[in-house]
N, C-alpha and C. Protein backbone atom coordinates (compact mmCIF):
# COMPACT_ATOMS: atom_id res chain seq x y z
N UNK A 1 -13.32 38.87 -3.17
CA UNK A 1 -14.50 38.28 -3.76
C UNK A 1 -14.32 36.76 -3.77
N UNK A 2 -15.22 36.07 -3.12
CA UNK A 2 -15.13 34.62 -3.01
C UNK A 2 -15.76 33.92 -4.20
N UNK A 3 -15.48 32.65 -4.32
CA UNK A 3 -16.05 31.84 -5.39
C UNK A 3 -17.50 31.52 -5.03
N UNK A 4 -18.40 31.71 -5.99
CA UNK A 4 -19.81 31.38 -5.78
C UNK A 4 -20.01 29.95 -6.27
N UNK A 5 -20.38 29.09 -5.35
CA UNK A 5 -20.57 27.67 -5.66
C UNK A 5 -21.98 27.30 -5.23
N UNK A 6 -22.90 27.28 -6.15
CA UNK A 6 -24.31 27.02 -5.88
C UNK A 6 -24.48 25.55 -5.50
N UNK A 7 -25.50 25.28 -4.69
CA UNK A 7 -25.70 23.92 -4.15
C UNK A 7 -25.76 22.86 -5.23
N UNK A 8 -26.39 23.15 -6.36
CA UNK A 8 -26.55 22.10 -7.36
C UNK A 8 -25.25 21.77 -8.07
N UNK A 9 -24.25 22.64 -7.96
CA UNK A 9 -22.92 22.31 -8.49
C UNK A 9 -22.38 21.06 -7.79
N UNK A 10 -22.64 20.98 -6.50
CA UNK A 10 -22.18 19.80 -5.74
C UNK A 10 -22.89 18.54 -6.23
N UNK A 11 -24.15 18.69 -6.61
CA UNK A 11 -24.87 17.52 -7.11
C UNK A 11 -24.35 17.10 -8.48
N UNK A 12 -23.92 18.07 -9.28
CA UNK A 12 -23.29 17.74 -10.56
C UNK A 12 -21.96 17.01 -10.31
N UNK A 13 -21.20 17.51 -9.34
CA UNK A 13 -19.95 16.84 -8.97
C UNK A 13 -20.24 15.42 -8.50
N UNK A 14 -21.30 15.26 -7.69
CA UNK A 14 -21.68 13.92 -7.21
C UNK A 14 -22.06 13.01 -8.38
N UNK A 15 -22.79 13.52 -9.35
CA UNK A 15 -23.17 12.72 -10.51
C UNK A 15 -21.95 12.31 -11.33
N UNK A 16 -21.02 13.24 -11.50
CA UNK A 16 -19.79 12.92 -12.24
C UNK A 16 -18.99 11.85 -11.49
N UNK A 17 -18.88 12.00 -10.17
CA UNK A 17 -18.15 11.00 -9.38
C UNK A 17 -18.84 9.64 -9.42
N UNK A 18 -20.17 9.62 -9.45
CA UNK A 18 -20.89 8.35 -9.59
C UNK A 18 -20.61 7.71 -10.95
N UNK A 19 -20.53 8.54 -11.98
CA UNK A 19 -20.18 8.03 -13.31
C UNK A 19 -18.79 7.42 -13.32
N UNK A 20 -17.85 8.10 -12.69
CA UNK A 20 -16.49 7.57 -12.60
C UNK A 20 -16.50 6.26 -11.81
N UNK A 21 -17.29 6.21 -10.74
CA UNK A 21 -17.40 4.98 -9.94
C UNK A 21 -17.93 3.82 -10.78
N UNK A 22 -18.91 4.10 -11.62
CA UNK A 22 -19.45 3.04 -12.47
C UNK A 22 -18.42 2.53 -13.46
N UNK A 23 -17.52 3.39 -13.88
CA UNK A 23 -16.48 2.97 -14.82
C UNK A 23 -15.35 2.21 -14.12
N UNK A 24 -15.06 2.55 -12.86
CA UNK A 24 -13.92 1.93 -12.18
C UNK A 24 -14.31 0.80 -11.24
N UNK A 25 -15.43 0.93 -10.53
CA UNK A 25 -15.85 -0.11 -9.59
C UNK A 25 -14.95 -0.24 -8.39
N UNK A 26 -14.38 0.86 -7.91
CA UNK A 26 -13.43 0.81 -6.80
C UNK A 26 -14.05 1.13 -5.45
N UNK A 27 -15.23 1.68 -5.43
CA UNK A 27 -15.94 2.16 -4.24
C UNK A 27 -15.35 3.45 -3.68
N UNK A 28 -14.18 3.86 -4.13
CA UNK A 28 -13.60 5.12 -3.66
C UNK A 28 -14.46 6.30 -4.09
N UNK A 29 -14.80 6.34 -5.37
CA UNK A 29 -15.55 7.47 -5.90
C UNK A 29 -17.00 7.48 -5.42
N UNK A 30 -17.53 6.34 -5.02
CA UNK A 30 -18.87 6.29 -4.46
C UNK A 30 -18.95 7.14 -3.20
N UNK A 31 -17.98 6.99 -2.32
CA UNK A 31 -18.00 7.73 -1.06
C UNK A 31 -17.72 9.21 -1.29
N UNK A 32 -16.91 9.53 -2.29
CA UNK A 32 -16.70 10.94 -2.64
C UNK A 32 -17.98 11.54 -3.21
N UNK A 33 -18.73 10.75 -4.00
CA UNK A 33 -20.00 11.22 -4.56
C UNK A 33 -21.01 11.47 -3.45
N UNK A 34 -21.06 10.58 -2.48
CA UNK A 34 -21.98 10.77 -1.35
C UNK A 34 -21.60 12.02 -0.57
N UNK A 35 -20.30 12.23 -0.36
CA UNK A 35 -19.85 13.44 0.34
C UNK A 35 -20.23 14.69 -0.44
N UNK A 36 -20.12 14.67 -1.76
CA UNK A 36 -20.50 15.82 -2.58
C UNK A 36 -22.00 16.06 -2.52
N UNK A 37 -22.80 14.97 -2.54
CA UNK A 37 -24.26 15.13 -2.46
C UNK A 37 -24.69 15.70 -1.12
N UNK A 38 -24.08 15.23 -0.04
CA UNK A 38 -24.41 15.75 1.30
C UNK A 38 -23.97 17.21 1.41
N UNK A 39 -22.83 17.54 0.86
CA UNK A 39 -22.38 18.94 0.87
C UNK A 39 -23.35 19.81 0.09
N UNK A 40 -23.85 19.32 -1.04
CA UNK A 40 -24.86 20.05 -1.81
C UNK A 40 -26.14 20.23 -1.03
N UNK A 41 -26.54 19.20 -0.28
CA UNK A 41 -27.75 19.29 0.54
C UNK A 41 -27.56 20.34 1.64
N UNK A 42 -26.40 20.34 2.28
CA UNK A 42 -26.13 21.34 3.32
C UNK A 42 -26.09 22.75 2.72
N UNK A 43 -25.56 22.88 1.52
CA UNK A 43 -25.53 24.18 0.84
C UNK A 43 -26.94 24.63 0.46
N UNK A 44 -27.80 23.69 0.15
CA UNK A 44 -29.20 24.01 -0.17
C UNK A 44 -29.93 24.50 1.08
N UNK A 45 -29.68 23.80 2.20
CA UNK A 45 -30.34 24.17 3.46
C UNK A 45 -29.79 25.50 3.99
N UNK A 46 -28.48 25.69 3.86
CA UNK A 46 -27.83 26.92 4.36
C UNK A 46 -27.14 27.62 3.19
N UNK A 47 -27.87 28.39 2.40
CA UNK A 47 -27.30 29.00 1.19
C UNK A 47 -26.19 30.02 1.45
N UNK A 48 -26.04 30.48 2.68
CA UNK A 48 -25.02 31.48 2.99
C UNK A 48 -23.65 30.85 3.28
N UNK A 49 -23.54 29.53 3.16
CA UNK A 49 -22.25 28.87 3.43
C UNK A 49 -21.19 29.34 2.44
N UNK A 50 -20.06 29.73 2.96
CA UNK A 50 -18.93 30.16 2.14
C UNK A 50 -18.35 28.95 1.40
N UNK A 51 -17.74 29.20 0.24
CA UNK A 51 -17.17 28.11 -0.55
C UNK A 51 -16.09 27.36 0.22
N UNK A 52 -15.27 28.07 0.97
CA UNK A 52 -14.21 27.41 1.75
C UNK A 52 -14.80 26.46 2.78
N UNK A 53 -15.89 26.84 3.40
CA UNK A 53 -16.56 25.96 4.37
C UNK A 53 -17.17 24.76 3.65
N UNK A 54 -17.76 24.99 2.49
CA UNK A 54 -18.32 23.88 1.72
C UNK A 54 -17.21 22.88 1.34
N UNK A 55 -16.09 23.43 0.90
CA UNK A 55 -14.97 22.57 0.53
C UNK A 55 -14.45 21.79 1.73
N UNK A 56 -14.40 22.43 2.88
CA UNK A 56 -13.96 21.77 4.11
C UNK A 56 -14.94 20.65 4.48
N UNK A 57 -16.23 20.92 4.39
CA UNK A 57 -17.25 19.90 4.69
C UNK A 57 -17.09 18.71 3.74
N UNK A 58 -16.91 19.00 2.46
CA UNK A 58 -16.72 17.92 1.48
C UNK A 58 -15.50 17.07 1.82
N UNK A 59 -14.39 17.72 2.15
CA UNK A 59 -13.16 17.00 2.46
C UNK A 59 -13.33 16.13 3.70
N UNK A 60 -13.92 16.70 4.75
CA UNK A 60 -14.11 15.94 6.00
C UNK A 60 -15.07 14.77 5.77
N UNK A 61 -16.18 15.02 5.08
CA UNK A 61 -17.13 13.93 4.81
C UNK A 61 -16.49 12.83 3.96
N UNK A 62 -15.71 13.22 2.98
CA UNK A 62 -15.05 12.23 2.13
C UNK A 62 -14.07 11.37 2.90
N UNK A 63 -13.25 12.00 3.72
CA UNK A 63 -12.26 11.26 4.50
C UNK A 63 -12.93 10.36 5.54
N UNK A 64 -13.91 10.90 6.25
CA UNK A 64 -14.60 10.12 7.28
C UNK A 64 -15.33 8.93 6.66
N UNK A 65 -16.01 9.16 5.54
CA UNK A 65 -16.75 8.06 4.91
C UNK A 65 -15.79 6.97 4.42
N UNK A 66 -14.64 7.35 3.89
CA UNK A 66 -13.67 6.35 3.45
C UNK A 66 -13.12 5.54 4.62
N UNK A 67 -12.83 6.20 5.73
CA UNK A 67 -12.31 5.51 6.91
C UNK A 67 -13.36 4.54 7.47
N UNK A 68 -14.60 5.01 7.58
CA UNK A 68 -15.68 4.15 8.10
C UNK A 68 -15.88 2.95 7.17
N UNK A 69 -15.90 3.17 5.86
CA UNK A 69 -16.09 2.08 4.92
C UNK A 69 -14.94 1.08 5.00
N UNK A 70 -13.70 1.57 5.10
CA UNK A 70 -12.54 0.67 5.18
C UNK A 70 -12.59 -0.19 6.44
N UNK A 71 -12.94 0.43 7.56
CA UNK A 71 -13.04 -0.34 8.81
C UNK A 71 -14.16 -1.38 8.73
N UNK A 72 -15.29 -1.01 8.14
CA UNK A 72 -16.39 -1.95 7.98
C UNK A 72 -15.97 -3.13 7.11
N UNK A 73 -15.27 -2.84 6.02
CA UNK A 73 -14.84 -3.91 5.12
C UNK A 73 -13.84 -4.84 5.80
N UNK A 74 -12.97 -4.30 6.63
CA UNK A 74 -12.00 -5.15 7.34
C UNK A 74 -12.70 -6.07 8.34
N UNK A 75 -13.72 -5.55 9.01
CA UNK A 75 -14.44 -6.35 10.00
C UNK A 75 -15.35 -7.39 9.34
N UNK A 76 -15.91 -7.06 8.19
CA UNK A 76 -16.91 -7.94 7.59
C UNK A 76 -16.34 -8.84 6.50
N UNK A 77 -15.02 -8.88 6.34
CA UNK A 77 -14.47 -9.75 5.31
C UNK A 77 -14.69 -11.21 5.70
N UNK A 78 -15.14 -11.98 4.73
CA UNK A 78 -15.47 -13.38 4.96
C UNK A 78 -14.32 -14.25 4.48
N UNK A 79 -13.92 -15.19 5.31
CA UNK A 79 -12.86 -16.13 4.94
C UNK A 79 -13.43 -17.12 3.93
N UNK A 80 -12.78 -17.27 2.81
CA UNK A 80 -13.26 -18.13 1.74
C UNK A 80 -12.94 -19.59 2.03
N UNK A 81 -13.85 -20.48 1.62
CA UNK A 81 -13.57 -21.91 1.75
C UNK A 81 -12.75 -22.39 0.55
N UNK A 82 -12.52 -21.53 -0.44
CA UNK A 82 -11.68 -21.81 -1.59
C UNK A 82 -10.69 -20.65 -1.77
N UNK A 83 -9.68 -20.55 -0.90
CA UNK A 83 -8.78 -19.40 -0.96
C UNK A 83 -7.94 -19.31 -2.24
N UNK A 84 -7.77 -20.41 -2.96
CA UNK A 84 -6.96 -20.41 -4.18
C UNK A 84 -7.82 -20.52 -5.43
N UNK A 85 -9.06 -20.08 -5.35
CA UNK A 85 -10.00 -20.24 -6.45
C UNK A 85 -9.48 -19.62 -7.74
N UNK A 86 -8.95 -18.42 -7.70
CA UNK A 86 -8.47 -17.75 -8.90
C UNK A 86 -6.96 -17.87 -9.06
N UNK A 87 -6.34 -18.77 -8.32
CA UNK A 87 -4.91 -19.03 -8.41
C UNK A 87 -4.73 -20.51 -8.71
N UNK A 88 -4.97 -20.86 -9.95
CA UNK A 88 -4.99 -22.27 -10.33
C UNK A 88 -3.72 -23.01 -9.93
N UNK A 89 -2.58 -22.40 -10.15
CA UNK A 89 -1.31 -23.06 -9.82
C UNK A 89 -1.15 -23.33 -8.34
N UNK A 90 -1.58 -22.39 -7.50
CA UNK A 90 -1.43 -22.54 -6.05
C UNK A 90 -2.27 -23.70 -5.51
N UNK A 91 -3.29 -24.12 -6.25
CA UNK A 91 -4.13 -25.23 -5.81
C UNK A 91 -3.36 -26.55 -5.79
N UNK A 92 -2.27 -26.63 -6.55
CA UNK A 92 -1.55 -27.90 -6.70
C UNK A 92 -0.31 -28.02 -5.82
N UNK A 93 0.01 -26.98 -5.07
CA UNK A 93 1.19 -27.03 -4.20
C UNK A 93 1.00 -28.14 -3.17
N UNK A 94 2.02 -29.00 -3.03
CA UNK A 94 1.96 -30.12 -2.09
C UNK A 94 1.49 -31.41 -2.72
N UNK A 95 1.08 -31.39 -3.97
CA UNK A 95 0.58 -32.60 -4.64
C UNK A 95 1.68 -33.20 -5.52
N UNK A 96 1.55 -34.52 -5.72
CA UNK A 96 2.52 -35.26 -6.52
C UNK A 96 2.00 -35.48 -7.93
N UNK A 97 2.93 -35.43 -8.90
CA UNK A 97 2.60 -35.66 -10.30
C UNK A 97 3.73 -36.44 -10.96
N UNK A 98 3.43 -37.02 -12.10
CA UNK A 98 4.41 -37.80 -12.86
C UNK A 98 4.91 -36.94 -14.02
N UNK A 99 6.22 -36.98 -14.24
CA UNK A 99 6.80 -36.21 -15.34
C UNK A 99 6.40 -36.79 -16.69
N UNK A 100 5.99 -35.92 -17.61
CA UNK A 100 5.72 -36.35 -18.98
C UNK A 100 6.86 -35.94 -19.90
N UNK A 101 7.77 -35.13 -19.35
CA UNK A 101 9.00 -34.76 -20.05
C UNK A 101 10.09 -34.69 -18.98
N UNK A 102 11.17 -35.38 -19.20
CA UNK A 102 12.24 -35.44 -18.21
C UNK A 102 12.76 -34.05 -17.86
N UNK A 103 13.18 -33.90 -16.63
CA UNK A 103 13.79 -32.62 -16.22
C UNK A 103 15.26 -32.67 -16.58
N UNK A 104 15.63 -31.84 -17.54
CA UNK A 104 17.01 -31.73 -17.99
C UNK A 104 17.39 -30.26 -17.96
N UNK A 105 18.56 -29.99 -17.39
CA UNK A 105 19.02 -28.60 -17.23
C UNK A 105 18.03 -27.78 -16.40
N UNK A 106 17.35 -28.46 -15.46
CA UNK A 106 16.45 -27.79 -14.54
C UNK A 106 15.04 -27.57 -15.03
N UNK A 107 14.69 -28.03 -16.26
CA UNK A 107 13.35 -27.81 -16.82
C UNK A 107 12.75 -29.11 -17.33
N UNK A 108 11.42 -29.23 -17.17
CA UNK A 108 10.69 -30.39 -17.66
C UNK A 108 9.20 -30.08 -17.70
N UNK A 109 8.37 -31.14 -17.81
CA UNK A 109 6.92 -30.94 -17.86
C UNK A 109 6.19 -32.04 -17.10
N UNK A 110 5.05 -31.66 -16.51
CA UNK A 110 4.12 -32.60 -15.90
C UNK A 110 2.76 -32.37 -16.52
N UNK A 111 1.88 -33.36 -16.35
CA UNK A 111 0.51 -33.19 -16.83
C UNK A 111 -0.38 -33.01 -15.62
N UNK A 112 -1.07 -31.88 -15.59
CA UNK A 112 -2.01 -31.56 -14.51
C UNK A 112 -3.38 -31.49 -15.15
N UNK A 113 -4.28 -32.36 -14.69
CA UNK A 113 -5.62 -32.48 -15.27
C UNK A 113 -5.48 -32.76 -16.76
N UNK A 114 -5.82 -31.79 -17.61
CA UNK A 114 -5.78 -32.04 -19.05
C UNK A 114 -4.72 -31.23 -19.77
N UNK A 115 -3.84 -30.57 -19.03
CA UNK A 115 -2.87 -29.72 -19.71
C UNK A 115 -1.46 -29.89 -19.13
N UNK A 116 -0.45 -29.75 -19.99
CA UNK A 116 0.94 -29.84 -19.52
C UNK A 116 1.36 -28.53 -18.86
N UNK A 117 2.17 -28.67 -17.83
CA UNK A 117 2.71 -27.50 -17.12
C UNK A 117 4.22 -27.63 -17.09
N UNK A 118 4.90 -26.51 -17.25
CA UNK A 118 6.36 -26.51 -17.16
C UNK A 118 6.76 -26.55 -15.69
N UNK A 119 7.84 -27.28 -15.45
CA UNK A 119 8.36 -27.38 -14.08
C UNK A 119 9.84 -27.07 -14.08
N UNK A 120 10.34 -26.66 -12.93
CA UNK A 120 11.77 -26.46 -12.76
C UNK A 120 12.20 -27.13 -11.47
N UNK A 121 13.43 -27.61 -11.47
CA UNK A 121 13.96 -28.30 -10.31
C UNK A 121 15.47 -28.10 -10.25
N UNK A 122 16.02 -28.26 -9.06
CA UNK A 122 17.46 -28.14 -8.88
C UNK A 122 18.19 -29.40 -9.34
N UNK A 123 17.45 -30.51 -9.47
CA UNK A 123 18.07 -31.76 -9.90
C UNK A 123 17.35 -32.31 -11.13
N UNK A 124 18.10 -32.98 -11.98
CA UNK A 124 17.50 -33.60 -13.16
C UNK A 124 16.76 -34.86 -12.75
N UNK A 125 15.63 -35.14 -13.42
CA UNK A 125 14.81 -36.33 -13.12
C UNK A 125 14.43 -36.99 -14.44
N UNK A 126 14.36 -38.33 -14.46
CA UNK A 126 14.00 -39.02 -15.70
C UNK A 126 12.49 -38.96 -15.98
N UNK A 127 12.14 -39.25 -17.22
CA UNK A 127 10.74 -39.34 -17.64
C UNK A 127 10.02 -40.37 -16.77
N UNK A 128 8.82 -40.05 -16.29
CA UNK A 128 8.05 -40.97 -15.47
C UNK A 128 8.32 -40.87 -13.98
N UNK A 129 9.27 -40.04 -13.59
CA UNK A 129 9.57 -39.88 -12.16
C UNK A 129 8.43 -39.09 -11.49
N UNK A 130 8.23 -39.38 -10.21
CA UNK A 130 7.21 -38.67 -9.45
C UNK A 130 7.85 -37.46 -8.78
N UNK A 131 7.20 -36.31 -8.94
CA UNK A 131 7.69 -35.07 -8.34
C UNK A 131 6.58 -34.43 -7.51
N UNK A 132 7.00 -33.64 -6.55
CA UNK A 132 6.06 -32.93 -5.68
C UNK A 132 6.20 -31.44 -5.93
N UNK A 133 5.08 -30.76 -6.12
CA UNK A 133 5.10 -29.31 -6.34
C UNK A 133 5.29 -28.62 -5.00
N UNK A 134 6.31 -27.77 -4.92
CA UNK A 134 6.60 -27.07 -3.67
C UNK A 134 6.33 -25.57 -3.76
N UNK A 135 6.25 -25.02 -4.98
CA UNK A 135 5.99 -23.59 -5.13
C UNK A 135 5.54 -23.31 -6.56
N UNK A 136 4.98 -22.13 -6.75
CA UNK A 136 4.55 -21.68 -8.07
C UNK A 136 5.28 -20.38 -8.38
N UNK A 137 5.87 -20.32 -9.57
CA UNK A 137 6.55 -19.11 -10.02
C UNK A 137 5.94 -18.70 -11.35
N UNK A 138 4.92 -17.86 -11.31
CA UNK A 138 4.21 -17.46 -12.52
C UNK A 138 3.42 -18.64 -13.07
N UNK A 139 3.83 -19.12 -14.25
CA UNK A 139 3.16 -20.29 -14.84
C UNK A 139 4.04 -21.52 -14.78
N UNK A 140 5.03 -21.50 -13.92
CA UNK A 140 5.94 -22.63 -13.78
C UNK A 140 5.94 -23.13 -12.34
N UNK A 141 5.92 -24.46 -12.20
CA UNK A 141 5.98 -25.07 -10.86
C UNK A 141 7.42 -25.34 -10.48
N UNK A 142 7.72 -25.14 -9.24
CA UNK A 142 9.01 -25.54 -8.65
C UNK A 142 8.73 -26.90 -8.01
N UNK A 143 9.51 -27.93 -8.38
CA UNK A 143 9.25 -29.29 -7.92
C UNK A 143 10.49 -29.89 -7.29
N UNK A 144 10.25 -30.93 -6.48
CA UNK A 144 11.32 -31.76 -5.94
C UNK A 144 10.94 -33.21 -6.23
N UNK A 145 11.96 -34.05 -6.38
CA UNK A 145 11.71 -35.46 -6.68
C UNK A 145 11.25 -36.18 -5.42
N UNK A 146 10.25 -37.05 -5.61
CA UNK A 146 9.74 -37.87 -4.51
C UNK A 146 10.39 -39.24 -4.64
N UNK A 147 10.96 -39.71 -3.55
CA UNK A 147 11.65 -41.01 -3.57
C UNK A 147 10.66 -42.15 -3.65
């Protein structure tokens, strides 16, 4: 005796997956919801479809839709004119700043715009020395002294 899975069950599954998609915003569940809705439509058109075939259709549609969406997203990705927009620290790599706190024991501070930032260096530098940011490590800049 096989499992009886009526067409509208697939639509309920699709609605639940859409709800999950709205909560997560990942686009993964959107394509699974579309696959469930299409499977429900096929079950409505062909009511004699066995549950195993319905499940197979759902799985194939879900996988194919995810692959197609992923390839589309890779082709249509737009290169940003501000690649470091949400990486504030990375925006300053390569720029020079003046120390507002001397680097002692490898640590000091610079002022960037309106806020102080911690810096680290392999060499100690006096207050007022000019340093160049070479890398970002979390919320700390790695700097070298500029001659």
